[in-house]
C-alpha cells in the first residue's frame, strides 16, 4: 500500500466511526435499554413507567447531543429508534418486545452481510469503497474483492454474535438480562470489529478508478 493511502487510513477510520455516531453515540444507543430494564425491575414490572423512563432517557441524550453539537442525524435516529421499541412493547403489552426491534435488526444485518458476500457485492465494499475513492472498481480487483468479502463476514459475525446473545434471552423473557447486555453488545463489540476491518483492508491497496474517457491499455499478448 502506498504511503499516501496508508497515511489516509486513520482519518478514514475516524470518518467511518463518526458516520456511525462516534463512541459516545454507540454508548448512548444502549443506555435507554438499560434504563428500561432497570425501571421495569425497580417498579415491580410496571410497563408504562418503564417505557416512560426509557423514552425520557433517550430524550435527555438527544438534548445533550444538541448541546454538545454532536451529530444531529444520529441523535434523531436514536430517539426514533427508542420510540419504535417503546411502541412494540406498548402495543403488545409485553416488556420483552421493547428489545424485539434490536433482535430483528441484528438478525437482518447478519443475513444481509452474509448474502452480500455470496452474491459478490460485499456490503463493506459498497459502503466503504466510495470513502476510499474506489467507487465500485474494487469488484474487478480480486485481492481487494477478497478483502471486502472477508471484512463483510467479520461484520456478519458481529451482528450474529449479538443475535446469539439476545435471542435466547428474548425467548426466555429475560428483560433484565436484555437490558444488561445492551451496552456491552454495543461499543465493546463494535470497536474490535472496526479494528479487524481496517487491519484486513490495509493488506491490499485501494483500487484506482479508471478516469472517465481514459483509454484502457491494450492487453499484451502471450509470448507463445
C-alpha atoms as a PDB file:
ATOM      1  CA  UNK A   1       0.000   0.000   0.000  1.00  0.00           C
ATOM      2  CA  UNK A   2       1.402   3.407  -0.948  1.00  0.00           C
ATOM      3  CA  UNK A   3       2.466   5.828   1.759  1.00  0.00           C
ATOM      4  CA  UNK A   4      -0.239   8.320   0.768  1.00  0.00           C
ATOM      5  CA  UNK A   5      -3.005   5.759   1.117  1.00  0.00           C
ATOM      6  CA  UNK A   6      -1.564   4.450   4.373  1.00  0.00           C
ATOM      7  CA  UNK A   7      -1.488   7.978   5.762  1.00  0.00           C
ATOM      8  CA  UNK A   8      -5.148   8.409   4.865  1.00  0.00           C
ATOM      9  CA  UNK A   9      -6.351   5.292   6.634  1.00  0.00           C
ATOM     10  CA  UNK A  10      -6.579   6.673  10.217  1.00  0.00           C
ATOM     11  CA  UNK A  11      -8.668   9.635   9.078  1.00  0.00           C
ATOM     12  CA  UNK A  12     -10.919   7.257   7.154  1.00  0.00           C
ATOM     13  CA  UNK A  13     -11.335   5.134  10.297  1.00  0.00           C
ATOM     14  CA  UNK A  14     -12.291   8.219  12.238  1.00  0.00           C
ATOM     15  CA  UNK A  15     -14.643   9.293   9.459  1.00  0.00           C
ATOM     16  CA  UNK A  16     -16.404   5.926   9.401  1.00  0.00           C
ATOM     17  CA  UNK A  17     -16.665   5.861  13.193  1.00  0.00           C
ATOM     18  CA  UNK A  18     -18.070   9.389  13.208  1.00  0.00           C
ATOM     19  CA  UNK A  19     -20.504   8.414  10.453  1.00  0.00           C
ATOM     20  CA  UNK A  20     -21.846   5.732  12.791  1.00  0.00           C
ATOM     21  CA  UNK A  21     -22.251   8.204  15.652  1.00  0.00           C
ATOM     22  CA  UNK A  22     -18.850   8.028  17.291  1.00  0.00           C
ATOM     23  CA  UNK A  23     -18.065   6.181  20.533  1.00  0.00           C
ATOM     24  CA  UNK A  24     -20.465   8.369  22.503  1.00  0.00           C
ATOM     25  CA  UNK A  25     -23.301   7.662  20.079  1.00  0.00           C
ATOM     26  CA  UNK A  26     -22.762   3.915  20.315  1.00  0.00           C
ATOM     27  CA  UNK A  27     -22.805   4.054  24.110  1.00  0.00           C
ATOM     28  CA  UNK A  28     -25.921   6.242  24.098  1.00  0.00           C
ATOM     29  CA  UNK A  29     -27.700   3.672  21.930  1.00  0.00           C
ATOM     30  CA  UNK A  30     -27.570   1.113  24.753  1.00  0.00           C
ATOM     31  CA  UNK A  31     -28.491   3.426  27.634  1.00  0.00           C
ATOM     32  CA  UNK A  32     -32.310   3.551  27.154  1.00  0.00           C
ATOM     33  CA  UNK A  33     -32.497  -0.238  27.051  1.00  0.00           C
ATOM     34  CA  UNK A  34     -30.587  -0.493  30.308  1.00  0.00           C
ATOM     35  CA  UNK A  35     -32.796   2.210  31.852  1.00  0.00           C
ATOM     36  CA  UNK A  36     -35.940   0.381  30.717  1.00  0.00           C
ATOM     37  CA  UNK A  37     -34.805  -2.921  32.229  1.00  0.00           C
ATOM     38  CA  UNK A  38     -33.766  -1.282  35.486  1.00  0.00           C
ATOM     39  CA  UNK A  39     -37.032   0.653  35.811  1.00  0.00           C
ATOM     40  CA  UNK A  40     -39.018  -2.488  34.987  1.00  0.00           C
ATOM     41  CA  UNK A  41     -37.295  -4.309  37.823  1.00  0.00           C
ATOM     42  CA  UNK A  42     -37.479  -1.497  40.383  1.00  0.00           C
ATOM     43  CA  UNK A  43     -41.140  -0.631  39.743  1.00  0.00           C
ATOM     44  CA  UNK A  44     -42.398  -4.173  40.107  1.00  0.00           C
ATOM     45  CA  UNK A  45     -42.737  -4.779  36.345  1.00  0.00           C
ATOM     46  CA  UNK A  46     -44.809  -1.671  35.575  1.00  0.00           C
ATOM     47  CA  UNK A  47     -44.572  -1.392  31.798  1.00  0.00           C
ATOM     48  CA  UNK A  48     -45.897   2.154  31.414  1.00  0.00           C
ATOM     49  CA  UNK A  49     -43.495   3.687  33.924  1.00  0.00           C
ATOM     50  CA  UNK A  50     -40.586   1.748  32.473  1.00  0.00           C
ATOM     51  CA  UNK A  51     -41.365   2.899  28.931  1.00  0.00           C
ATOM     52  CA  UNK A  52     -41.610   6.494  30.131  1.00  0.00           C
ATOM     53  CA  UNK A  53     -38.208   6.178  31.811  1.00  0.00           C
ATOM     54  CA  UNK A  54     -36.616   4.744  28.653  1.00  0.00           C
ATOM     55  CA  UNK A  55     -38.097   7.376  26.342  1.00  0.00           C
ATOM     56  CA  UNK A  56     -37.208  10.079  28.863  1.00  0.00           C
ATOM     57  CA  UNK A  57     -33.585   8.934  28.975  1.00  0.00           C
ATOM     58  CA  UNK A  58     -33.447   8.931  25.161  1.00  0.00           C
ATOM     59  CA  UNK A  59     -34.843  12.481  25.142  1.00  0.00           C
ATOM     60  CA  UNK A  60     -32.200  13.611  27.644  1.00  0.00           C
ATOM     61  CA  UNK A  61     -29.450  12.071  25.500  1.00  0.00           C
ATOM     62  CA  UNK A  62     -30.928  13.799  22.452  1.00  0.00           C
ATOM     63  CA  UNK A  63     -30.798  17.183  24.175  1.00  0.00           C
ATOM     64  CA  UNK A  64     -27.227  16.539  25.364  1.00  0.00           C
ATOM     65  CA  UNK A  65     -26.202  15.682  21.799  1.00  0.00           C
ATOM     66  CA  UNK A  66     -27.635  19.004  20.616  1.00  0.00           C
ATOM     67  CA  UNK A  67     -25.916  20.936  23.396  1.00  0.00           C
ATOM     68  CA  UNK A  68     -22.589  19.242  22.652  1.00  0.00           C
ATOM     69  CA  UNK A  69     -23.117  19.785  18.915  1.00  0.00           C
ATOM     70  CA  UNK A  70     -22.729  16.143  18.086  1.00  0.00           C
ATOM     71  CA  UNK A  71     -24.349  14.510  15.063  1.00  0.00           C
ATOM     72  CA  UNK A  72     -27.972  15.678  14.982  1.00  0.00           C
ATOM     73  CA  UNK A  73     -28.848  12.965  12.476  1.00  0.00           C
ATOM     74  CA  UNK A  74     -27.538  10.235  14.771  1.00  0.00           C
ATOM     75  CA  UNK A  75     -29.384  11.762  17.740  1.00  0.00           C
ATOM     76  CA  UNK A  76     -32.671  11.879  15.802  1.00  0.00           C
ATOM     77  CA  UNK A  77     -32.259   8.294  14.578  1.00  0.00           C
ATOM     78  CA  UNK A  78     -31.530   7.166  18.134  1.00  0.00           C
ATOM     79  CA  UNK A  79     -34.596   8.901  19.520  1.00  0.00           C
ATOM     80  CA  UNK A  80     -36.838   7.494  16.783  1.00  0.00           C
ATOM     81  CA  UNK A  81     -35.383   4.036  17.368  1.00  0.00           C
ATOM     82  CA  UNK A  82     -36.294   4.138  21.056  1.00  0.00           C
ATOM     83  CA  UNK A  83     -39.780   5.379  20.145  1.00  0.00           C
ATOM     84  CA  UNK A  84     -40.236   2.358  17.861  1.00  0.00           C
ATOM     85  CA  UNK A  85     -39.005  -0.009  20.579  1.00  0.00           C
ATOM     86  CA  UNK A  86     -41.399   1.554  23.085  1.00  0.00           C
ATOM     87  CA  UNK A  87     -44.257   1.233  20.592  1.00  0.00           C
ATOM     88  CA  UNK A  88     -43.581  -2.502  20.136  1.00  0.00           C
ATOM     89  CA  UNK A  89     -43.764  -3.051  23.889  1.00  0.00           C
ATOM     90  CA  UNK A  90     -46.781  -0.788  24.417  1.00  0.00           C
ATOM     91  CA  UNK A  91     -48.856  -2.261  21.580  1.00  0.00           C
ATOM     92  CA  UNK A  92     -48.184  -5.871  22.577  1.00  0.00           C
ATOM     93  CA  UNK A  93     -48.226  -5.289  26.339  1.00  0.00           C
ATOM     94  CA  UNK A  94     -45.062  -7.371  26.698  1.00  0.00           C
ATOM     95  CA  UNK A  95     -41.927  -5.816  28.150  1.00  0.00           C
ATOM     96  CA  UNK A  96     -39.615  -8.159  26.273  1.00  0.00           C
ATOM     97  CA  UNK A  97     -40.867  -6.733  22.972  1.00  0.00           C
ATOM     98  CA  UNK A  98     -39.102  -3.485  23.796  1.00  0.00           C
ATOM     99  CA  UNK A  99     -35.987  -5.349  22.623  1.00  0.00           C
ATOM    100  CA  UNK A 100     -37.612  -7.098  19.648  1.00  0.00           C
ATOM    101  CA  UNK A 101     -36.612  -4.433  17.072  1.00  0.00           C
ATOM    102  CA  UNK A 102     -32.979  -4.804  18.157  1.00  0.00           C
ATOM    103  CA  UNK A 103     -33.159  -8.596  17.863  1.00  0.00           C
ATOM    104  CA  UNK A 104     -34.729  -8.359  14.400  1.00  0.00           C
ATOM    105  CA  UNK A 105     -32.229  -5.695  13.281  1.00  0.00           C
ATOM    106  CA  UNK A 106     -29.219  -7.790  14.272  1.00  0.00           C
ATOM    107  CA  UNK A 107     -30.636 -10.853  12.536  1.00  0.00           C
ATOM    108  CA  UNK A 108     -31.377  -8.856   9.385  1.00  0.00           C
ATOM    109  CA  UNK A 109     -27.936  -7.229   9.264  1.00  0.00           C
ATOM    110  CA  UNK A 110     -26.183 -10.561   9.780  1.00  0.00           C
ATOM    111  CA  UNK A 111     -28.180 -12.046   6.894  1.00  0.00           C
ATOM    112  CA  UNK A 112     -27.648  -9.062   4.578  1.00  0.00           C
ATOM    113  CA  UNK A 113     -23.876  -9.002   5.132  1.00  0.00           C
ATOM    114  CA  UNK A 114     -23.658 -12.750   4.516  1.00  0.00           C
ATOM    115  CA  UNK A 115     -25.836 -12.681   1.395  1.00  0.00           C
ATOM    116  CA  UNK A 116     -23.899  -9.698   0.021  1.00  0.00           C
ATOM    117  CA  UNK A 117     -20.723 -11.805   0.113  1.00  0.00           C
ATOM    118  CA  UNK A 118     -22.444 -14.757  -1.535  1.00  0.00           C
ATOM    119  CA  UNK A 119     -23.676 -12.598  -4.430  1.00  0.00           C
ATOM    120  CA  UNK A 120     -20.228 -10.959  -4.753  1.00  0.00           C
ATOM    121  CA  UNK A 121     -21.350  -7.497  -3.693  1.00  0.00           C
ATOM    122  CA  UNK A 122     -19.845  -7.413  -0.174  1.00  0.00           C
ATOM    123  CA  UNK A 123     -21.652  -4.707   1.731  1.00  0.00           C
ATOM    124  CA  UNK A 124     -18.485  -3.280   3.285  1.00  0.00           C
ATOM    125  CA  UNK A 125     -17.144  -2.568  -0.195  1.00  0.00           C
ATOM    126  CA  UNK A 126     -20.377  -0.901  -1.253  1.00  0.00           C
ATOM    127  CA  UNK A 127     -20.268   1.397   1.793  1.00  0.00           C
ATOM    128  CA  UNK A 128     -16.532   1.974   2.214  1.00  0.00           C
ATOM    129  CA  UNK A 129     -15.341   1.889  -1.405  1.00  0.00           C
ATOM    130  CA  UNK A 130     -16.512   5.458  -2.090  1.00  0.00           C
ATOM    131  CA  UNK A 131     -14.868   6.604   1.165  1.00  0.00           C
ATOM    132  CA  UNK A 132     -11.515   5.363  -0.169  1.00  0.00           C
ATOM    133  CA  UNK A 133     -12.134   6.855  -3.623  1.00  0.00           C
ATOM    134  CA  UNK A 134     -12.543   3.417  -5.219  1.00  0.00           C
ATOM    135  CA  UNK A 135     -16.186   3.588  -6.226  1.00  0.00           C
ATOM    136  CA  UNK A 136     -17.017   0.034  -7.312  1.00  0.00           C
ATOM    137  CA  UNK A 137     -13.770  -0.519  -9.227  1.00  0.00           C
ATOM    138  CA  UNK A 138     -12.687  -2.923  -6.462  1.00  0.00           C
ATOM    139  CA  UNK A 139     -15.080  -5.547  -7.883  1.00  0.00           C
ATOM    140  CA  UNK A 140     -12.643  -6.090 -10.773  1.00  0.00           C
ATOM    141  CA  UNK A 141      -9.672  -6.348  -8.394  1.00  0.00           C
ATOM    142  CA  UNK A 142      -9.623  -9.930  -6.951  1.00  0.00           C
ATOM    143  CA  UNK A 143      -7.403  -9.190  -3.905  1.00  0.00           C
ATOM    144  CA  UNK A 144      -9.476  -6.149  -2.973  1.00  0.00           C
ATOM    145  CA  UNK A 145     -12.713  -8.085  -3.547  1.00  0.00           C
ATOM    146  CA  UNK A 146     -11.464 -10.791  -1.184  1.00  0.00           C
ATOM    147  CA  UNK A 147     -10.550  -8.168   1.409  1.00  0.00           C
ATOM    148  CA  UNK A 148     -14.008  -6.606   1.323  1.00  0.00           C
ATOM    149  CA  UNK A 149     -15.600 -10.061   1.431  1.00  0.00           C
ATOM    150  CA  UNK A 150     -13.578 -11.054   4.498  1.00  0.00           C
ATOM    151  CA  UNK A 151     -14.353  -7.751   6.212  1.00  0.00           C
ATOM    152  CA  UNK A 152     -18.054  -8.146   5.451  1.00  0.00           C
ATOM    153  CA  UNK A 153     -18.002 -11.608   7.002  1.00  0.00           C
ATOM    154  CA  UNK A 154     -16.467 -10.074  10.137  1.00  0.00           C
ATOM    155  CA  UNK A 155     -19.418  -7.676  10.348  1.00  0.00           C
ATOM    156  CA  UNK A 156     -21.853 -10.520   9.722  1.00  0.00           C
ATOM    157  CA  UNK A 157     -20.183 -12.290  12.645  1.00  0.00           C
ATOM    158  CA  UNK A 158     -20.590  -9.247  14.888  1.00  0.00           C
ATOM    159  CA  UNK A 159     -24.313  -8.980  14.237  1.00  0.00           C
ATOM    160  CA  UNK A 160     -24.722 -12.756  14.511  1.00  0.00           C
ATOM    161  CA  UNK A 161     -22.941 -12.665  17.886  1.00  0.00           C
ATOM    162  CA  UNK A 162     -25.366 -10.043  19.128  1.00  0.00           C
ATOM    163  CA  UNK A 163     -28.266 -12.162  17.886  1.00  0.00           C
ATOM    164  CA  UNK A 164     -26.931 -15.297  19.575  1.00  0.00           C
ATOM    165  CA  UNK A 165     -26.835 -13.455  22.898  1.00  0.00           C
ATOM    166  CA  UNK A 166     -30.152 -11.616  22.572  1.00  0.00           C
ATOM    167  CA  UNK A 167     -32.406 -14.259  21.020  1.00  0.00           C
ATOM    168  CA  UNK A 168     -32.286 -16.841  23.860  1.00  0.00           C
ATOM    169  CA  UNK A 169     -32.829 -14.064  26.419  1.00  0.00           C
ATOM    170  CA  UNK A 170     -35.735 -12.691  24.415  1.00  0.00           C
ATOM    171  CA  UNK A 171     -37.389 -16.099  24.019  1.00  0.00           C
ATOM    172  CA  UNK A 172     -36.981 -16.686  27.761  1.00  0.00           C
ATOM    173  CA  UNK A 173     -38.468 -13.271  28.546  1.00  0.00           C
ATOM    174  CA  UNK A 174     -35.366 -12.166  30.467  1.00  0.00           C
ATOM    175  CA  UNK A 175     -35.998  -8.408  30.341  1.00  0.00           C
ATOM    176  CA  UNK A 176     -33.353  -7.562  32.942  1.00  0.00           C
ATOM    177  CA  UNK A 177     -30.669  -9.551  31.135  1.00  0.00           C
ATOM    178  CA  UNK A 178     -31.604  -7.993  27.785  1.00  0.00           C
ATOM    179  CA  UNK A 179     -31.104  -4.567  29.312  1.00  0.00           C
ATOM    180  CA  UNK A 180     -27.855  -5.590  30.971  1.00  0.00           C
ATOM    181  CA  UNK A 181     -26.262  -6.742  27.714  1.00  0.00           C
ATOM    182  CA  UNK A 182     -27.426  -3.700  25.705  1.00  0.00           C
ATOM    183  CA  UNK A 183     -24.276  -1.632  26.342  1.00  0.00           C
ATOM    184  CA  UNK A 184     -21.686  -4.490  26.207  1.00  0.00           C
ATOM    185  CA  UNK A 185     -23.083  -5.563  22.834  1.00  0.00           C
ATOM    186  CA  UNK A 186     -22.563  -2.015  21.522  1.00  0.00           C
ATOM    187  CA  UNK A 187     -19.219  -0.238  21.649  1.00  0.00           C
ATOM    188  CA  UNK A 188     -17.123  -3.067  23.219  1.00  0.00           C
ATOM    189  CA  UNK A 189     -18.091  -5.348  20.337  1.00  0.00           C
ATOM    190  CA  UNK A 190     -18.060  -2.668  17.640  1.00  0.00           C
ATOM    191  CA  UNK A 191     -14.524  -1.342  18.215  1.00  0.00           C
ATOM    192  CA  UNK A 192     -12.727  -4.715  17.734  1.00  0.00           C
ATOM    193  CA  UNK A 193     -14.848  -5.287  14.629  1.00  0.00           C
ATOM    194  CA  UNK A 194     -13.794  -1.905  13.247  1.00  0.00           C
ATOM    195  CA  UNK A 195     -10.125  -2.593  14.047  1.00  0.00           C
ATOM    196  CA  UNK A 196     -10.203  -6.018  12.341  1.00  0.00           C
ATOM    197  CA  UNK A 197     -11.939  -4.477   9.335  1.00  0.00           C
ATOM    198  CA  UNK A 198      -9.210  -1.932   8.721  1.00  0.00           C
ATOM    199  CA  UNK A 199      -6.488  -4.476   9.508  1.00  0.00           C
ATOM    200  CA  UNK A 200      -7.887  -6.596   6.663  1.00  0.00           C
ATOM    201  CA  UNK A 201      -8.266  -3.670   4.265  1.00  0.00           C
ATOM    202  CA  UNK A 202      -4.730  -2.416   4.923  1.00  0.00           C
ATOM    203  CA  UNK A 203      -3.326  -5.627   3.473  1.00  0.00           C
ATOM    204  CA  UNK A 204      -4.419  -4.704  -0.064  1.00  0.00           C
ATOM    205  CA  UNK A 205      -4.144  -1.268  -1.716  1.00  0.00           C
ATOM    206  CA  UNK A 206      -7.361   0.508  -2.751  1.00  0.00           C
ATOM    207  CA  UNK A 207      -8.267   0.025  -6.400  1.00  0.00           C
ATOM    208  CA  UNK A 208      -7.587   3.025  -8.626  1.00  0.00           C
ATOM    209  CA  UNK A 209     -10.667   4.040 -10.575  1.00  0.00           C
ATOM    210  CA  UNK A 210     -10.276   4.378 -14.336  1.00  0.00           C
ATOM    211  CA  UNK A 211     -10.946   8.077 -15.114  1.00  0.00           C
ATOM    212  CA  UNK A 212     -13.860   8.651 -17.481  1.00  0.00           C
ATOM    213  CA  UNK A 213     -12.677   8.783 -21.077  1.00  0.00           C
ATOM    214  CA  UNK A 214      -9.213   7.411 -20.304  1.00  0.00           C
ATOM    215  CA  UNK A 215      -8.316   4.691 -22.821  1.00  0.00           C
ATOM    216  CA  UNK A 216      -7.789   1.220 -21.437  1.00  0.00           C
ATOM    217  CA  UNK A 217      -4.231  -0.042 -22.152  1.00  0.00           C
ATOM    218  CA  UNK A 218      -4.243  -2.859 -24.700  1.00  0.00           C
ATOM    219  CA  UNK A 219      -3.554  -6.343 -23.443  1.00  0.00           C
ATOM    220  CA  UNK A 220      -0.033  -7.666 -24.095  1.00  0.00           C
ATOM    221  CA  UNK A 221      -0.254 -10.960 -25.975  1.00  0.00           C
ATOM    222  CA  UNK A 222       1.493 -14.015 -24.561  1.00  0.00           C
ATOM    223  CA  UNK A 223       4.915 -14.805 -25.997  1.00  0.00           C
ATOM    224  CA  UNK A 224       3.733 -18.218 -27.159  1.00  0.00           C
END
